[in-house]
Structure formats: C-alpha cells, structure tokens
Amino acid sequence: MTGRKTALVVRGGWDGHQPVEATDRFIPFLKDNGYGVRVEESPKIYADADYMTGVDLIMQCMTMSTIERDEFEGLRTAVENGTGLAGWHGGIADSYRNTSDYLHLIGGQFACHPGKHPDECAGGQSDNYVPYTVNMLPAAAEHPITRGISDFDLVTEQYWVLSDNYIDVLATTTQKVRPWDPWNREVTSPAVWTRQWGQGRIFVCTPGHNVKVLEDTNVSTMIERGLLWASR
C-alpha cells in the first residue's frame, strides 16, 4: 500500500515480562491504525540501515539482553532521523544494561523494584508486587498521551528509576519508606515520560510488568497513545 506506515516490533529478553504475549497485545492496534508490522526476536535488525530508513515506529520489548555496537548505532541513527521508539517497563527502561549509550538515548534506567517485607516473600515474581499510585503531573492534563487520565493505583512492580532532566515527565510514582527499608526519605521516580532525540520521539511507560498489568485501561490507553505519538 502506497504511503502505508511501518512499525518494527523488537521483542525478547527475559521471559518473565512476557515479550511475545505483551507485544501481541498491541500489534492489532498498530494494524488497525494503518501500520504494516514486522516482528523480530533480536535487535540484529537495527544494523540493517536500508530497512531502518523506512521504519516509522519501533515498539521494543527487550528486557536486559545485549546489543552489538552496529545494532545500537543503527537504532540511534534511526531515531535521530525521525523513527519513533516506544515501549513499557523493562522492555525499554531495562534493555541492554551494559550499553551506556543506550541508557543515554532513553533517559531513564530501571534501578530496582523494592518488594514486600522479607517475611512475606516466597521466592516468586509476586514478591515484588506492591500497591502504589501513578501520579499524573500538570503537564499530563493536555498532553495527547495522557489527556483525561487521572491518578490511578496498581499492584505490581514499582520501578525506581535513575533519570536525567532532559526527559519530559508526564507521571511519577513515589517509593514510600517502610520500616525495613534502608533509605530514610521518600523517592519519586518518573513513571511515564517522553524524550526528543534528533528528529525522533521516544515514549516510555514504566508500568507493564506482564499482560495483566497491560490490561489496566489507564496503562493500555497511555501505551496505545504513546505508540502513535512517538511515530514519525
């Protein structure tokens, strides 16, 4: 189809984030919005400069894993030239930990997700599920990604994020101080942000640990809007 938009889905890494099921949750949305979708199970495609030139949007769900130098440079070049990059949770904010230039590109990096009291932990993923609030900032009220969304509560991993001030934060979350925590004051982290990089737009939503969290209407709405906002 002439003029059809192109979306590249890059997924993989840690299986606990359900990269296949999670991205499958949004692929029909992209197709309904006029995108031809290509799915890749590794970042190798980023090194294909001829292909990347024509990509309008990258939806990445690749937790941890590694990226080769030519792959990262292909990704960064594409974004700088106008390709959008969007994702959620560890699939974008905890990708390629050993590549500092990737962290520079995204603007925020997962540090930890403080969990339950040690006496409540049983050794599973749910040890890190805690109740918390996603707080919308004033800037969110009129932004196309977050317009109409109010503060909302989740019970899932609460990301403590290390970030810079070049991100445009739409929502935050505040880590409380529990009696067993080693920190002694509350810590507020960005939960939803955007970033302009060259001609490209980047969108990050830290909620989204698994498909159940992605089914929350507030989370899914922000991600769907964020995908379209980031796209060329």
Protein backbone atom coordinates (compact mmCIF):
# COMPACT_ATOMS: atom_id res chain seq x y z
CA MET A 1 0.00 0.00 0.00
CA THR A 2 1.46 3.35 -1.04
CA GLY A 3 2.10 5.59 1.95
CA ARG A 4 1.50 2.84 4.47
CA LYS A 5 3.30 3.32 7.77
CA THR A 6 5.84 0.79 9.01
CA ALA A 7 6.16 -0.50 12.57
CA LEU A 8 9.00 -2.72 13.73
CA VAL A 9 8.41 -4.86 16.82
CA VAL A 10 11.62 -5.99 18.53
CA ARG A 11 10.97 -8.40 21.40
CA GLY A 12 12.75 -10.90 23.58
CA GLY A 13 14.99 -10.94 26.62
CA TRP A 14 13.69 -12.08 29.99
CA ASP A 15 10.60 -14.26 29.59
CA GLY A 16 9.04 -13.05 32.84
CA HIS A 17 7.89 -9.90 31.07
CA GLN A 18 6.01 -11.99 28.50
CA PRO A 19 7.53 -10.20 25.49
CA VAL A 20 5.57 -12.22 22.92
CA GLU A 21 2.20 -12.04 24.64
CA ALA A 22 2.72 -8.40 25.62
CA THR A 23 3.59 -7.19 22.13
CA ASP A 24 0.85 -9.33 20.60
CA ARG A 25 -1.50 -7.30 22.79
CA PHE A 26 -0.69 -4.15 20.76
CA ILE A 27 0.07 -5.43 17.25
CA PRO A 28 -3.63 -5.47 16.23
CA PHE A 29 -3.89 -1.86 17.41
CA LEU A 30 -1.00 -0.89 15.14
CA LYS A 31 -2.52 -2.71 12.18
CA ASP A 32 -5.87 -1.05 12.80
CA ASN A 33 -4.07 2.29 12.64
CA GLY A 34 -2.59 1.60 9.23
CA TYR A 35 0.82 0.11 10.06
CA GLY A 36 2.47 -2.74 8.30
CA VAL A 37 4.11 -4.67 11.15
CA ARG A 38 7.35 -6.63 11.11
CA VAL A 39 8.34 -8.68 14.17
CA GLU A 40 11.94 -9.53 15.08
CA GLU A 41 13.16 -11.57 18.04
CA SER A 42 16.50 -9.77 18.46
CA PRO A 43 17.99 -6.30 17.89
CA LYS A 44 20.03 -7.53 14.90
CA ILE A 45 17.60 -5.79 12.54
CA TYR A 46 18.73 -2.42 13.86
CA ALA A 47 22.01 -2.85 11.96
CA ASP A 48 20.17 -3.03 8.61
CA ALA A 49 20.45 0.61 7.58
CA ASP A 50 18.47 0.23 4.37
CA TYR A 51 15.50 -1.25 6.19
CA MET A 52 15.64 1.06 9.22
CA THR A 53 15.45 4.13 7.00
CA GLY A 54 11.84 3.28 6.23
CA VAL A 55 10.67 2.44 9.77
CA ASP A 56 8.22 4.93 11.26
CA LEU A 57 7.88 3.33 14.69
CA ILE A 58 9.80 0.83 16.82
CA MET A 59 7.87 -0.93 19.58
CA GLN A 60 10.54 -2.56 21.71
CA CYS A 61 10.02 -5.16 24.44
CA MET A 62 13.54 -6.47 25.13
CA THR A 63 14.38 -6.82 28.81
CA MET A 64 18.08 -6.94 29.66
CA SER A 65 19.82 -8.91 26.87
CA THR A 66 22.70 -7.35 24.92
CA ILE A 67 23.10 -5.24 21.80
CA GLU A 68 26.08 -5.14 19.44
CA ARG A 69 27.72 -1.84 18.58
CA ASP A 70 26.47 -1.75 14.99
CA GLU A 71 22.97 -2.66 16.14
CA PHE A 72 22.86 0.14 18.69
CA GLU A 73 24.28 2.67 16.25
CA GLY A 74 21.61 1.66 13.76
CA LEU A 75 18.91 2.17 16.35
CA ARG A 76 20.23 5.55 17.44
CA THR A 77 20.67 6.74 13.85
CA ALA A 78 17.11 5.73 13.01
CA VAL A 79 15.73 7.66 15.98
CA GLU A 80 17.85 10.70 15.20
CA ASN A 81 16.46 10.64 11.67
CA GLY A 82 12.83 10.53 12.82
CA THR A 83 11.91 6.93 13.69
CA GLY A 84 9.80 6.77 16.85
CA LEU A 85 10.81 4.47 19.71
CA ALA A 86 8.25 3.37 22.29
CA GLY A 87 7.84 0.73 24.95
CA TRP A 88 6.99 -0.10 28.51
CA HIS A 89 8.54 -1.45 31.69
CA GLY A 90 11.77 -3.45 31.37
CA GLY A 91 11.27 -3.82 27.63
CA ILE A 92 12.61 -0.30 27.11
CA ALA A 93 13.78 1.00 30.52
CA ASP A 94 15.85 -2.07 31.38
CA SER A 95 17.25 -3.05 27.99
CA TYR A 96 20.93 -3.57 27.17
CA ARG A 97 22.22 -2.69 30.64
CA ASN A 98 25.86 -2.90 29.55
CA THR A 99 25.50 -0.31 26.79
CA SER A 100 25.68 3.10 28.43
CA ASP A 101 24.90 4.90 25.17
CA TYR A 102 21.52 3.16 25.11
CA LEU A 103 20.79 4.47 28.61
CA HIS A 104 21.73 7.93 27.34
CA LEU A 105 19.28 7.56 24.46
CA ILE A 106 16.34 6.55 26.70
CA GLY A 107 16.99 8.97 29.54
CA GLY A 108 15.89 6.72 32.38
CA GLN A 109 17.09 3.35 33.64
CA PHE A 110 15.45 0.81 35.94
CA ALA A 111 17.39 0.58 39.21
CA CYS A 112 15.20 -1.69 41.34
CA HIS A 113 11.64 -2.56 42.35
CA PRO A 114 11.51 -2.69 46.15
CA GLY A 115 9.26 -5.54 47.21
CA LYS A 116 7.34 -6.84 50.17
CA HIS A 117 8.63 -7.38 53.67
CA PRO A 118 11.17 -10.24 53.64
CA ASP A 119 8.87 -12.32 55.84
CA GLU A 120 6.19 -12.14 53.14
CA CYS A 121 8.43 -13.25 50.28
CA ALA A 122 8.03 -16.74 48.85
CA GLY A 123 10.59 -16.64 46.05
CA GLY A 124 8.32 -15.74 43.12
CA GLN A 125 7.72 -12.67 40.98
CA SER A 126 4.89 -11.60 43.27
CA ASP A 127 7.45 -10.88 46.00
CA ASN A 128 7.95 -7.59 44.15
CA TYR A 129 4.26 -6.71 43.68
CA VAL A 130 3.30 -3.79 45.91
CA PRO A 131 0.39 -1.32 45.89
CA TYR A 132 1.34 2.11 44.57
CA THR A 133 -0.08 5.15 42.83
CA VAL A 134 0.81 6.60 39.44
CA ASN A 135 0.54 10.36 39.88
CA MET A 136 -0.21 12.47 36.82
CA LEU A 137 1.65 15.77 36.63
CA PRO A 138 0.04 19.05 35.48
CA ALA A 139 1.71 18.64 32.08
CA ALA A 140 -0.27 15.42 31.59
CA ALA A 141 -3.65 17.16 31.53
CA GLU A 142 -3.28 18.47 27.97
CA HIS A 143 -0.77 16.01 26.54
CA PRO A 144 -2.18 13.72 23.82
CA ILE A 145 -0.78 10.65 25.58
CA THR A 146 -2.30 11.32 29.00
CA ARG A 147 -5.22 13.68 28.46
CA GLY A 148 -8.21 12.62 30.55
CA ILE A 149 -6.26 10.18 32.73
CA SER A 150 -6.21 10.82 36.47
CA ASP A 151 -4.03 9.36 39.20
CA PHE A 152 -4.52 5.60 39.42
CA ASP A 153 -3.44 2.68 41.58
CA LEU A 154 -1.70 -0.56 40.66
CA VAL A 155 -0.44 -3.65 42.47
CA THR A 156 2.66 -4.70 40.56
CA GLU A 157 6.36 -3.85 40.35
CA GLN A 158 7.02 -0.22 41.24
CA TYR A 159 10.04 0.93 39.26
CA TRP A 160 12.68 3.02 40.99
CA VAL A 161 14.24 4.82 38.01
CA LEU A 162 17.51 6.72 37.61
CA SER A 163 16.95 9.53 35.11
CA ASP A 164 18.21 12.82 33.71
CA ASN A 165 16.39 16.13 33.35
CA TYR A 166 16.15 16.00 29.57
CA ILE A 167 13.09 13.78 29.81
CA ASP A 168 9.62 15.35 29.78
CA VAL A 169 7.83 13.64 32.65
CA LEU A 170 4.07 13.12 32.45
CA ALA A 171 3.61 10.94 35.53
CA THR A 172 5.59 9.91 38.59
CA THR A 173 5.44 7.34 41.35
CA THR A 174 6.77 7.73 44.87
CA GLN A 175 8.52 4.94 46.73
CA LYS A 176 7.47 5.05 50.36
CA VAL A 177 9.75 4.37 53.30
CA ARG A 178 8.80 1.14 55.07
CA PRO A 179 10.26 0.16 58.44
CA TRP A 180 12.58 -2.38 56.82
CA ASP A 181 13.89 -0.12 54.02
CA PRO A 182 17.47 1.23 54.19
CA TRP A 183 16.51 4.66 52.74
CA ASN A 184 15.08 7.28 55.09
CA ARG A 185 13.03 9.55 52.85
CA GLU A 186 10.56 9.02 50.02
CA VAL A 187 11.91 8.77 46.48
CA THR A 188 9.92 9.97 43.48
CA SER A 189 10.70 8.45 40.07
CA PRO A 190 9.35 9.17 36.59
CA ALA A 191 6.69 6.64 35.61
CA VAL A 192 5.76 7.96 32.16
CA TRP A 193 7.97 10.19 30.06
CA THR A 194 8.80 11.36 26.58
CA ARG A 195 12.08 12.45 25.04
CA GLN A 196 13.03 14.18 21.82
CA TRP A 197 16.20 12.81 20.22
CA GLY A 198 17.23 14.44 16.97
CA GLN A 199 14.16 14.23 14.77
CA GLY A 200 12.75 11.25 16.67
CA ARG A 201 10.43 10.86 19.62
CA ILE A 202 10.78 8.39 22.48
CA PHE A 203 7.98 7.23 24.78
CA VAL A 204 8.43 5.22 27.99
CA CYS A 205 5.80 3.85 30.39
CA THR A 206 7.26 2.00 33.37
CA PRO A 207 4.08 0.10 34.41
CA GLY A 208 3.62 -3.03 32.30
CA HIS A 209 5.27 -5.96 34.06
CA ASN A 210 3.03 -8.53 32.40
CA VAL A 211 -0.12 -8.83 30.31
CA LYS A 212 -2.35 -8.46 33.37
CA VAL A 213 -0.91 -5.01 34.07
CA LEU A 214 -1.16 -4.08 30.39
CA GLU A 215 -4.88 -4.82 30.56
CA ASP A 216 -5.37 -1.97 33.01
CA THR A 217 -7.27 0.63 30.99
CA ASN A 218 -5.07 3.52 32.10
CA VAL A 219 -1.88 1.67 31.20
CA SER A 220 -3.10 0.35 27.86
CA THR A 221 -4.52 3.73 26.85
CA MET A 222 -1.24 5.51 27.56
CA ILE A 223 0.76 2.92 25.66
CA GLU A 224 -1.53 2.99 22.63
CA ARG A 225 -1.46 6.76 22.54
CA GLY A 226 2.29 6.75 23.18
CA LEU A 227 2.92 4.49 20.20
CA LEU A 228 1.05 6.85 17.89
CA TRP A 229 2.63 9.95 19.44
CA ALA A 230 6.17 8.62 19.03
CA SER A 231 5.70 7.51 15.44
CA ARG A 232 7.21 9.52 12.61
